[in-house]
């Protein structure tokens, strides 16, 4: 199965200049995610800095679900952070009842997981880089402010560090 996955994975250089020091990045094609059971959510993407000094950009996938009727919105945003080795698919049964209760739900796929880009070099995956990637995704690109966080496994370690580092001007609950 691993060889099949690698055959269906696009390899691309992440830097526009094709700098040899640029991080090599894998991207799983959308076709690999077609017809997933009980996963009716629209994909959303943002690009963030890979932090390699070569201008590499990483594409981060996230779900952003909210009530259809603005009058039924609670004003609360719930950030759902998965652990390892899962992705936003983990929360497919959690999101609908939260949205029905009036909450906005945001569930990013961490870099290296799900529909997000995957750096090819395994030594790229450091705790500090994941914190930086998540901070840029959540606070700079998706622009979340007042959040309630739900975490699982490694998502808890990253999420609590994220909240501790970004308390200024924010109201967060974990």
N, C-alpha and C. Protein backbone atom coordinates (compact mmCIF):
# COMPACT_ATOMS: atom_id res chain seq x y z
N UNK A 1 0.82 -1.20 0.00
CA UNK A 1 0.00 0.00 0.00
C UNK A 1 0.86 1.26 0.00
N UNK A 2 1.99 1.22 0.69
CA UNK A 2 2.87 2.39 0.74
C UNK A 2 3.32 2.80 -0.65
N UNK A 3 3.70 1.82 -1.49
CA UNK A 3 4.16 2.17 -2.83
C UNK A 3 3.03 2.79 -3.64
N UNK A 4 1.81 2.31 -3.46
CA UNK A 4 0.67 2.89 -4.16
C UNK A 4 0.47 4.33 -3.72
N UNK A 5 0.58 4.59 -2.42
CA UNK A 5 0.42 5.96 -1.92
C UNK A 5 1.49 6.86 -2.52
N UNK A 6 2.72 6.40 -2.57
CA UNK A 6 3.80 7.22 -3.10
C UNK A 6 3.60 7.47 -4.60
N UNK A 7 3.03 6.50 -5.31
CA UNK A 7 2.78 6.70 -6.73
C UNK A 7 1.72 7.77 -6.94
N UNK A 8 0.78 7.88 -6.02
CA UNK A 8 -0.30 8.85 -6.14
C UNK A 8 0.03 10.18 -5.47
N UNK A 9 1.23 10.35 -5.00
CA UNK A 9 1.62 11.58 -4.32
C UNK A 9 2.44 12.44 -5.27
N UNK A 10 2.05 13.70 -5.39
CA UNK A 10 2.80 14.64 -6.22
C UNK A 10 4.00 15.14 -5.45
N UNK A 11 5.16 15.16 -6.09
CA UNK A 11 6.36 15.72 -5.48
C UNK A 11 6.58 17.06 -6.15
N UNK A 12 6.82 18.07 -5.35
CA UNK A 12 7.06 19.39 -5.93
C UNK A 12 8.11 20.10 -5.11
N UNK A 13 8.81 21.01 -5.72
CA UNK A 13 9.71 21.89 -4.97
C UNK A 13 8.86 23.04 -4.47
N UNK A 14 8.96 23.33 -3.20
CA UNK A 14 8.10 24.34 -2.60
C UNK A 14 8.51 25.77 -2.87
N UNK A 15 9.75 26.02 -3.27
CA UNK A 15 10.20 27.39 -3.47
C UNK A 15 10.04 27.80 -4.93
N UNK A 16 9.55 29.01 -5.17
CA UNK A 16 9.36 29.44 -6.54
C UNK A 16 10.67 29.55 -7.33
N UNK A 17 11.81 29.71 -6.66
CA UNK A 17 13.09 29.88 -7.34
C UNK A 17 13.78 28.56 -7.62
N UNK A 18 13.22 27.47 -7.16
CA UNK A 18 13.84 26.15 -7.29
C UNK A 18 15.21 26.12 -6.62
N UNK A 19 15.35 26.84 -5.55
CA UNK A 19 16.56 26.88 -4.73
C UNK A 19 16.87 25.46 -4.26
N UNK A 20 18.10 24.96 -4.47
CA UNK A 20 18.41 23.60 -4.05
C UNK A 20 18.30 23.39 -2.54
N UNK A 21 18.35 24.48 -1.77
CA UNK A 21 18.20 24.34 -0.32
C UNK A 21 16.74 24.34 0.11
N UNK A 22 15.84 24.56 -0.86
CA UNK A 22 14.41 24.61 -0.55
C UNK A 22 13.90 23.24 -0.11
N UNK A 23 12.97 23.27 0.79
CA UNK A 23 12.34 22.06 1.30
C UNK A 23 11.59 21.36 0.17
N UNK A 24 11.76 20.08 0.05
CA UNK A 24 10.98 19.28 -0.90
C UNK A 24 9.68 18.88 -0.21
N UNK A 25 8.59 19.02 -0.94
CA UNK A 25 7.28 18.86 -0.34
C UNK A 25 6.44 17.88 -1.15
N UNK A 26 5.72 17.02 -0.45
CA UNK A 26 4.78 16.08 -1.07
C UNK A 26 3.37 16.62 -0.88
N UNK A 27 2.54 16.41 -1.88
CA UNK A 27 1.14 16.80 -1.79
C UNK A 27 0.29 15.64 -2.28
N UNK A 28 -0.59 15.17 -1.42
CA UNK A 28 -1.48 14.07 -1.79
C UNK A 28 -2.60 14.63 -2.66
N UNK A 29 -2.83 14.06 -3.84
CA UNK A 29 -3.88 14.56 -4.74
C UNK A 29 -5.27 14.44 -4.11
N UNK A 30 -6.13 15.37 -4.47
CA UNK A 30 -7.52 15.37 -3.97
C UNK A 30 -8.23 14.05 -4.27
N UNK A 31 -7.86 13.40 -5.36
CA UNK A 31 -8.52 12.14 -5.74
C UNK A 31 -8.39 11.07 -4.65
N UNK A 32 -7.36 11.16 -3.83
CA UNK A 32 -7.17 10.18 -2.75
C UNK A 32 -8.20 10.34 -1.64
N UNK A 33 -8.90 11.47 -1.63
CA UNK A 33 -9.86 11.76 -0.57
C UNK A 33 -11.30 11.69 -1.05
N UNK A 34 -11.51 11.33 -2.30
CA UNK A 34 -12.86 11.26 -2.85
C UNK A 34 -13.66 10.15 -2.18
N UNK A 35 -14.93 10.39 -2.01
CA UNK A 35 -15.88 9.40 -1.50
C UNK A 35 -15.56 8.90 -0.10
N UNK A 36 -14.98 9.74 0.72
CA UNK A 36 -14.77 9.34 2.11
C UNK A 36 -16.12 9.26 2.81
N UNK A 37 -16.38 8.19 3.53
CA UNK A 37 -17.67 8.09 4.21
C UNK A 37 -17.78 9.13 5.33
N UNK A 38 -18.93 9.73 5.43
CA UNK A 38 -19.26 10.66 6.52
C UNK A 38 -18.29 11.83 6.62
N UNK A 39 -17.84 12.33 5.49
CA UNK A 39 -16.93 13.47 5.46
C UNK A 39 -17.40 14.44 4.38
N UNK A 40 -18.54 15.12 4.63
CA UNK A 40 -19.15 15.97 3.61
C UNK A 40 -18.62 17.41 3.60
N UNK A 41 -17.53 17.67 4.27
CA UNK A 41 -17.08 19.03 4.52
C UNK A 41 -16.30 19.63 3.34
N UNK A 42 -16.53 20.91 3.10
CA UNK A 42 -15.81 21.63 2.04
C UNK A 42 -14.37 21.89 2.49
N UNK A 43 -13.41 21.66 1.60
CA UNK A 43 -12.01 21.94 1.96
C UNK A 43 -11.70 23.43 1.88
N UNK A 44 -10.83 23.87 2.75
CA UNK A 44 -10.30 25.24 2.72
C UNK A 44 -8.78 25.12 2.83
N UNK A 45 -8.07 26.05 2.20
CA UNK A 45 -6.61 25.99 2.21
C UNK A 45 -6.03 27.38 2.45
N UNK A 46 -4.91 27.41 3.16
CA UNK A 46 -4.09 28.61 3.30
C UNK A 46 -2.65 28.19 3.04
N UNK A 47 -1.83 29.15 2.65
CA UNK A 47 -0.41 28.88 2.48
C UNK A 47 0.36 29.58 3.57
N UNK A 48 1.36 28.88 4.11
CA UNK A 48 2.19 29.43 5.17
C UNK A 48 3.67 29.27 4.81
N UNK A 49 4.50 29.99 5.52
CA UNK A 49 5.95 29.91 5.34
C UNK A 49 6.46 28.60 5.93
N UNK A 50 7.25 27.87 5.15
CA UNK A 50 7.79 26.59 5.63
C UNK A 50 8.89 26.79 6.66
N UNK A 51 9.49 27.97 6.69
CA UNK A 51 10.54 28.24 7.66
C UNK A 51 11.90 27.68 7.27
N UNK A 52 12.10 27.44 5.97
CA UNK A 52 13.38 26.88 5.52
C UNK A 52 14.36 27.94 5.04
N UNK A 53 13.94 29.20 5.04
CA UNK A 53 14.81 30.28 4.58
C UNK A 53 14.92 30.40 3.07
N UNK A 54 14.23 29.55 2.34
CA UNK A 54 14.30 29.55 0.87
C UNK A 54 12.99 30.01 0.24
N UNK A 55 12.06 30.46 1.05
CA UNK A 55 10.79 30.93 0.52
C UNK A 55 9.77 29.85 0.24
N UNK A 56 9.99 28.66 0.71
CA UNK A 56 9.05 27.56 0.49
C UNK A 56 7.73 27.87 1.18
N UNK A 57 6.65 27.59 0.49
CA UNK A 57 5.30 27.76 1.03
C UNK A 57 4.69 26.37 1.21
N UNK A 58 3.98 26.20 2.30
CA UNK A 58 3.27 24.95 2.57
C UNK A 58 1.78 25.22 2.54
N UNK A 59 1.04 24.32 1.91
CA UNK A 59 -0.41 24.44 1.86
C UNK A 59 -1.00 23.67 3.04
N UNK A 60 -1.82 24.37 3.82
CA UNK A 60 -2.47 23.78 4.99
C UNK A 60 -3.96 23.65 4.69
N UNK A 61 -4.49 22.46 4.90
CA UNK A 61 -5.92 22.22 4.75
C UNK A 61 -6.61 22.43 6.09
N UNK A 62 -7.81 22.98 6.05
CA UNK A 62 -8.62 23.07 7.27
C UNK A 62 -10.10 23.04 6.91
N UNK A 63 -10.88 22.61 7.87
CA UNK A 63 -12.33 22.66 7.77
C UNK A 63 -12.80 23.91 8.49
N UNK A 64 -13.83 24.54 7.96
CA UNK A 64 -14.41 25.73 8.60
C UNK A 64 -15.92 25.62 8.43
N UNK A 65 -16.55 25.03 9.42
CA UNK A 65 -17.99 24.76 9.37
C UNK A 65 -18.71 25.67 10.37
N UNK A 66 -19.87 26.17 9.96
CA UNK A 66 -20.66 27.05 10.84
C UNK A 66 -22.13 26.93 10.47
N UNK A 67 -23.01 27.39 11.36
CA UNK A 67 -24.44 27.32 11.05
C UNK A 67 -24.77 28.11 9.77
N UNK A 68 -25.71 27.59 8.99
CA UNK A 68 -26.15 28.27 7.78
C UNK A 68 -26.87 29.57 8.09
N UNK A 69 -27.62 29.57 9.17
CA UNK A 69 -28.41 30.74 9.56
C UNK A 69 -27.61 31.58 10.57
N UNK A 70 -27.18 32.79 10.19
CA UNK A 70 -26.41 33.64 11.11
C UNK A 70 -27.15 33.93 12.42
N UNK A 71 -28.47 33.89 12.41
CA UNK A 71 -29.24 34.13 13.63
C UNK A 71 -29.07 33.00 14.64
N UNK A 72 -28.64 31.84 14.17
CA UNK A 72 -28.46 30.69 15.07
C UNK A 72 -27.01 30.50 15.50
N UNK A 73 -26.17 31.50 15.25
CA UNK A 73 -24.76 31.41 15.61
C UNK A 73 -24.55 31.83 17.05
N UNK A 74 -23.82 31.02 17.79
CA UNK A 74 -23.55 31.31 19.20
C UNK A 74 -22.44 32.35 19.38
N UNK A 75 -21.64 32.55 18.34
CA UNK A 75 -20.49 33.44 18.47
C UNK A 75 -19.24 32.73 18.95
N UNK A 76 -19.37 31.48 19.33
CA UNK A 76 -18.22 30.69 19.81
C UNK A 76 -17.54 29.99 18.64
N UNK A 77 -16.22 30.00 18.66
CA UNK A 77 -15.44 29.25 17.67
C UNK A 77 -14.71 28.14 18.40
N UNK A 78 -14.86 26.93 17.89
CA UNK A 78 -14.20 25.76 18.47
C UNK A 78 -13.08 25.34 17.52
N UNK A 79 -11.86 25.33 18.04
CA UNK A 79 -10.69 24.88 17.28
C UNK A 79 -10.43 23.42 17.67
N UNK A 80 -10.48 22.54 16.68
CA UNK A 80 -10.31 21.11 16.89
C UNK A 80 -8.94 20.69 16.36
N UNK A 81 -8.07 20.25 17.26
CA UNK A 81 -6.71 19.85 16.87
C UNK A 81 -6.53 18.35 17.04
N UNK A 82 -6.22 17.69 15.94
CA UNK A 82 -6.01 16.24 15.96
C UNK A 82 -4.62 15.90 16.46
N UNK A 83 -4.41 14.63 16.71
CA UNK A 83 -3.10 14.14 17.13
C UNK A 83 -2.43 13.37 16.01
N UNK A 84 -1.51 12.52 16.41
CA UNK A 84 -0.77 11.72 15.45
C UNK A 84 -1.22 10.27 15.60
N UNK A 85 -1.55 9.58 14.58
CA UNK A 85 -1.36 9.84 13.16
C UNK A 85 -2.69 10.14 12.45
N UNK A 86 -3.48 11.03 12.94
CA UNK A 86 -4.79 11.28 12.32
C UNK A 86 -4.82 12.63 11.60
N UNK A 87 -6.02 13.07 11.27
CA UNK A 87 -6.23 14.35 10.59
C UNK A 87 -7.64 14.81 10.89
N UNK A 88 -8.15 15.85 10.24
CA UNK A 88 -9.47 16.41 10.56
C UNK A 88 -10.60 15.39 10.42
N UNK A 89 -10.39 14.34 9.69
CA UNK A 89 -11.38 13.27 9.56
C UNK A 89 -11.79 12.73 10.93
N UNK A 90 -10.88 12.79 11.88
CA UNK A 90 -11.14 12.33 13.24
C UNK A 90 -12.38 13.00 13.84
N UNK A 91 -12.62 14.25 13.48
CA UNK A 91 -13.70 15.04 14.08
C UNK A 91 -14.99 15.04 13.27
N UNK A 92 -15.12 14.13 12.31
CA UNK A 92 -16.29 14.12 11.43
C UNK A 92 -17.60 13.91 12.17
N UNK A 93 -17.57 13.25 13.35
CA UNK A 93 -18.80 13.05 14.12
C UNK A 93 -18.97 14.11 15.20
N UNK A 94 -17.96 14.89 15.46
CA UNK A 94 -17.99 15.93 16.49
C UNK A 94 -18.49 17.25 15.90
N UNK A 95 -18.09 17.55 14.68
CA UNK A 95 -18.42 18.84 14.05
C UNK A 95 -19.92 19.05 13.88
N UNK A 96 -20.69 18.12 13.32
CA UNK A 96 -22.12 18.39 13.10
C UNK A 96 -22.90 18.79 14.37
N UNK A 97 -22.75 18.10 15.52
CA UNK A 97 -23.50 18.55 16.69
C UNK A 97 -23.04 19.92 17.22
N UNK A 98 -21.76 20.22 17.08
CA UNK A 98 -21.28 21.54 17.50
C UNK A 98 -21.85 22.64 16.62
N UNK A 99 -21.89 22.40 15.32
CA UNK A 99 -22.48 23.37 14.39
C UNK A 99 -23.97 23.51 14.66
N UNK A 100 -24.66 22.39 14.93
CA UNK A 100 -26.09 22.43 15.25
C UNK A 100 -26.36 23.24 16.51
N UNK A 101 -25.38 23.28 17.43
CA UNK A 101 -25.51 24.06 18.66
C UNK A 101 -25.13 25.53 18.44
N UNK A 102 -24.78 25.88 17.20
CA UNK A 102 -24.50 27.27 16.88
C UNK A 102 -23.04 27.67 16.84
N UNK A 103 -22.14 26.71 16.96
CA UNK A 103 -20.71 27.03 17.00
C UNK A 103 -20.05 26.94 15.63
N UNK A 104 -19.07 27.80 15.43
CA UNK A 104 -18.18 27.68 14.28
C UNK A 104 -17.11 26.66 14.66
N UNK A 105 -16.80 25.74 13.75
CA UNK A 105 -15.78 24.71 14.01
C UNK A 105 -14.67 24.83 12.97
N UNK A 106 -13.44 24.96 13.45
CA UNK A 106 -12.27 25.01 12.58
C UNK A 106 -11.37 23.83 12.96
N UNK A 107 -11.05 23.01 11.97
CA UNK A 107 -10.23 21.82 12.20
C UNK A 107 -9.13 21.75 11.15
N UNK A 108 -7.92 22.22 11.48
CA UNK A 108 -6.82 22.13 10.51
C UNK A 108 -6.21 20.73 10.49
N UNK A 109 -5.66 20.38 9.35
CA UNK A 109 -4.81 19.19 9.26
C UNK A 109 -3.39 19.68 9.50
N UNK A 110 -2.73 19.15 10.51
CA UNK A 110 -1.35 19.54 10.76
C UNK A 110 -0.49 19.24 9.54
N UNK A 111 0.58 20.00 9.36
CA UNK A 111 1.52 19.72 8.27
C UNK A 111 1.99 18.27 8.41
N UNK A 112 1.94 17.56 7.28
CA UNK A 112 2.35 16.15 7.27
C UNK A 112 1.19 15.19 7.40
N UNK A 113 -0.03 15.72 7.56
CA UNK A 113 -1.19 14.86 7.81
C UNK A 113 -2.35 15.27 6.90
N UNK A 114 -3.21 14.29 6.59
CA UNK A 114 -4.43 14.56 5.85
C UNK A 114 -4.18 15.25 4.52
N UNK A 115 -4.93 16.33 4.28
CA UNK A 115 -4.86 17.06 3.02
C UNK A 115 -3.81 18.16 3.01
N UNK A 116 -3.10 18.34 4.11
CA UNK A 116 -2.03 19.34 4.16
C UNK A 116 -0.76 18.80 3.51
N UNK A 117 0.11 19.73 3.10
CA UNK A 117 1.39 19.34 2.50
C UNK A 117 2.23 18.54 3.48
N UNK A 118 3.15 17.76 2.89
CA UNK A 118 4.00 16.86 3.67
C UNK A 118 5.46 17.05 3.27
N UNK A 119 6.25 17.74 4.08
CA UNK A 119 7.68 17.84 3.77
C UNK A 119 8.29 16.44 3.64
N UNK A 120 9.14 16.26 2.63
CA UNK A 120 9.70 14.94 2.35
C UNK A 120 10.75 14.51 3.38
N UNK A 121 11.46 15.45 3.95
CA UNK A 121 12.52 15.13 4.92
C UNK A 121 11.91 14.97 6.30
N UNK A 122 11.99 13.79 6.86
CA UNK A 122 11.36 13.52 8.16
C UNK A 122 11.95 14.37 9.28
N UNK A 123 13.16 14.85 9.12
CA UNK A 123 13.78 15.67 10.16
C UNK A 123 13.22 17.10 10.19
N UNK A 124 12.39 17.43 9.22
CA UNK A 124 11.70 18.72 9.19
C UNK A 124 10.64 18.80 10.28
N UNK A 125 10.11 17.66 10.69
CA UNK A 125 8.98 17.61 11.61
C UNK A 125 9.44 17.76 13.06
N UNK A 126 9.70 18.99 13.46
CA UNK A 126 10.07 19.25 14.85
C UNK A 126 8.88 19.83 15.59
N UNK A 127 8.91 19.69 16.88
CA UNK A 127 7.85 20.26 17.72
C UNK A 127 7.76 21.77 17.49
N UNK A 128 8.90 22.46 17.50
CA UNK A 128 8.91 23.91 17.34
C UNK A 128 8.33 24.33 15.98
N UNK A 129 8.69 23.61 14.93
CA UNK A 129 8.14 23.95 13.62
C UNK A 129 6.63 23.75 13.58
N UNK A 130 6.16 22.68 14.18
CA UNK A 130 4.70 22.47 14.20
C UNK A 130 4.00 23.60 14.95
N UNK A 131 4.57 24.05 16.05
CA UNK A 131 3.98 25.18 16.79
C UNK A 131 3.95 26.42 15.90
N UNK A 132 5.05 26.71 15.22
CA UNK A 132 5.12 27.88 14.34
C UNK A 132 4.14 27.77 13.18
N UNK A 133 4.08 26.59 12.54
CA UNK A 133 3.15 26.40 11.43
C UNK A 133 1.71 26.56 11.89
N UNK A 134 1.39 26.00 13.04
CA UNK A 134 0.04 26.08 13.56
C UNK A 134 -0.31 27.52 13.94
N UNK A 135 0.61 28.24 14.56
CA UNK A 135 0.36 29.63 14.93
C UNK A 135 0.09 30.48 13.70
N UNK A 136 0.89 30.32 12.65
CA UNK A 136 0.66 31.09 11.43
C UNK A 136 -0.68 30.73 10.80
N UNK A 137 -1.01 29.46 10.80
CA UNK A 137 -2.28 29.01 10.23
C UNK A 137 -3.46 29.59 11.00
N UNK A 138 -3.48 29.37 12.31
CA UNK A 138 -4.64 29.71 13.14
C UNK A 138 -4.79 31.21 13.35
N UNK A 139 -3.71 31.89 13.70
CA UNK A 139 -3.83 33.30 14.06
C UNK A 139 -3.60 34.26 12.90
N UNK A 140 -2.70 33.95 11.98
CA UNK A 140 -2.40 34.88 10.89
C UNK A 140 -3.24 34.64 9.64
N UNK A 141 -3.46 33.39 9.27
CA UNK A 141 -4.16 33.11 8.02
C UNK A 141 -5.67 32.93 8.20
N UNK A 142 -6.07 32.12 9.17
CA UNK A 142 -7.50 31.90 9.40
C UNK A 142 -8.05 33.00 10.32
N UNK A 143 -7.17 33.67 11.03
CA UNK A 143 -7.49 34.84 11.86
C UNK A 143 -8.49 34.52 12.98
N UNK A 144 -8.21 33.46 13.73
CA UNK A 144 -9.04 33.13 14.88
C UNK A 144 -8.60 33.97 16.07
N UNK A 145 -9.55 34.36 16.91
CA UNK A 145 -9.23 35.15 18.09
C UNK A 145 -9.74 34.48 19.36
N UNK A 146 -11.00 34.56 19.62
CA UNK A 146 -11.57 33.97 20.83
C UNK A 146 -11.99 32.54 20.51
N UNK A 147 -11.28 31.58 21.10
CA UNK A 147 -11.54 30.19 20.73
C UNK A 147 -11.69 29.30 21.95
N UNK A 148 -12.44 28.25 21.75
CA UNK A 148 -12.47 27.12 22.67
C UNK A 148 -11.76 26.00 21.94
N UNK A 149 -10.79 25.40 22.58
CA UNK A 149 -9.97 24.40 21.91
C UNK A 149 -10.32 23.00 22.40
N UNK A 150 -10.47 22.09 21.45
CA UNK A 150 -10.65 20.67 21.73
C UNK A 150 -9.46 19.96 21.09
N UNK A 151 -8.72 19.21 21.89
CA UNK A 151 -7.48 18.59 21.40
C UNK A 151 -7.48 17.10 21.65
N UNK A 152 -6.75 16.40 20.81
CA UNK A 152 -6.57 14.96 20.95
C UNK A 152 -5.09 14.66 20.77
N UNK A 153 -4.53 13.89 21.70
CA UNK A 153 -3.17 13.40 21.57
C UNK A 153 -2.18 14.55 21.40
N UNK A 154 -1.35 14.50 20.38
CA UNK A 154 -0.31 15.49 20.13
C UNK A 154 -0.89 16.88 19.89
N UNK A 155 -2.14 16.95 19.43
CA UNK A 155 -2.80 18.24 19.25
C UNK A 155 -2.90 19.00 20.56
N UNK A 156 -2.98 18.28 21.68
CA UNK A 156 -3.02 18.93 22.99
C UNK A 156 -1.71 19.60 23.33
N UNK A 157 -0.60 18.92 23.08
CA UNK A 157 0.72 19.52 23.34
C UNK A 157 0.93 20.76 22.50
N UNK A 158 0.58 20.68 21.23
CA UNK A 158 0.75 21.82 20.34
C UNK A 158 -0.22 22.94 20.70
N UNK A 159 -1.47 22.58 20.93
CA UNK A 159 -2.49 23.58 21.22
C UNK A 159 -2.25 24.34 22.50
N UNK A 160 -1.87 23.66 23.56
CA UNK A 160 -1.62 24.35 24.83
C UNK A 160 -0.42 25.28 24.71
N UNK A 161 0.60 24.86 24.00
CA UNK A 161 1.76 25.74 23.77
C UNK A 161 1.34 26.95 22.94
N UNK A 162 0.50 26.72 21.97
CA UNK A 162 0.00 27.80 21.11
C UNK A 162 -0.76 28.83 21.93
N UNK A 163 -1.65 28.36 22.78
CA UNK A 163 -2.44 29.29 23.61
C UNK A 163 -1.57 30.05 24.59
N UNK A 164 -0.61 29.37 25.19
CA UNK A 164 0.28 30.04 26.15
C UNK A 164 1.10 31.14 25.47
N UNK A 165 1.51 30.90 24.25
CA UNK A 165 2.35 31.87 23.54
C UNK A 165 1.56 33.02 22.92
N UNK A 166 0.25 32.87 22.78
CA UNK A 166 -0.56 33.88 22.11
C UNK A 166 -1.71 34.36 22.98
N UNK A 167 -1.44 34.61 24.24
CA UNK A 167 -2.48 35.06 25.16
C UNK A 167 -2.85 36.52 24.95
N UNK A 168 -1.88 37.33 24.57
CA UNK A 168 -2.08 38.77 24.45
C UNK A 168 -3.22 39.08 23.48
N UNK A 169 -4.25 39.76 23.96
CA UNK A 169 -5.35 40.17 23.11
C UNK A 169 -6.29 39.07 22.69
N UNK A 170 -6.18 37.90 23.30
CA UNK A 170 -7.03 36.77 22.94
C UNK A 170 -7.70 36.21 24.18
N UNK A 171 -8.84 35.60 23.98
CA UNK A 171 -9.52 34.88 25.04
C UNK A 171 -9.63 33.43 24.56
N UNK A 172 -9.00 32.53 25.29
CA UNK A 172 -8.96 31.13 24.88
C UNK A 172 -9.39 30.23 26.02
N UNK A 173 -9.97 29.10 25.65
CA UNK A 173 -10.32 28.05 26.60
C UNK A 173 -9.89 26.72 26.01
N UNK A 174 -9.38 25.86 26.87
CA UNK A 174 -8.97 24.53 26.39
C UNK A 174 -9.72 23.48 27.17
